[in-house]
Amino acid sequence: MDMTGTLNQQPIVTRTERGLIISGTRITIYDVMDYVAAKYPPQFIQGLLHLTETQINEALKYIQTNRVEVESEYQLVLKEAEELKSYYAEQNRELTAKISKMPPPSGREAAWQKLRQQKAEIQAKSNILA
C-alpha cells in the first residue's frame, strides 16, 4: 500500500494492528474521519487532535487519495464501535439501573436535583431533534 508523505523518512500514515494511524501518534485515520464526516475545517481538526500542519495535511491527502478504501474501513470501525456500545450497555444495564435509583450523598441533594433537571432537559432536546 502506498503511504503518502514522509516525516523523518517515515510515512505519515502507517498501518498497525489498530488500523491506519498517523505516525508518531495514537491517532487513527478513523479519528480524523469522524471530523471530516462532520465537515470540520482542517485547522480545527489539527487543533483538536494536536497534530502538526504536515500531519493533518498528509492525513487528509491520504484520505482523499484512498477514499474508497478508507471509507470502507471507517464504516467497519463505526459498526464495531456501535456493537461494543450495545454490548456494554446490555452488560451494565442492571448496574446502571441500580445506581440511578440510589439516593444522593448526604448534603448533596440540591446538586443532584440540578443534575437531574439538566439531564432531563438534554434528553428532551435530543428527543425533539430526533
Foldseek 3Di string as FASTA:
>chain_A
DDADDDDPNHGQWDQDPVGIAGPPDPHHLLNVVVVVVVVDDLVVSCVVRVHDPVSSVSSVVVCVVCVVVVVVVSVVVVVVVVVVVVVVCVVCVVVVVVVVPDQDPPPCNVVVVVVVVVVVVVVVVVVVVD
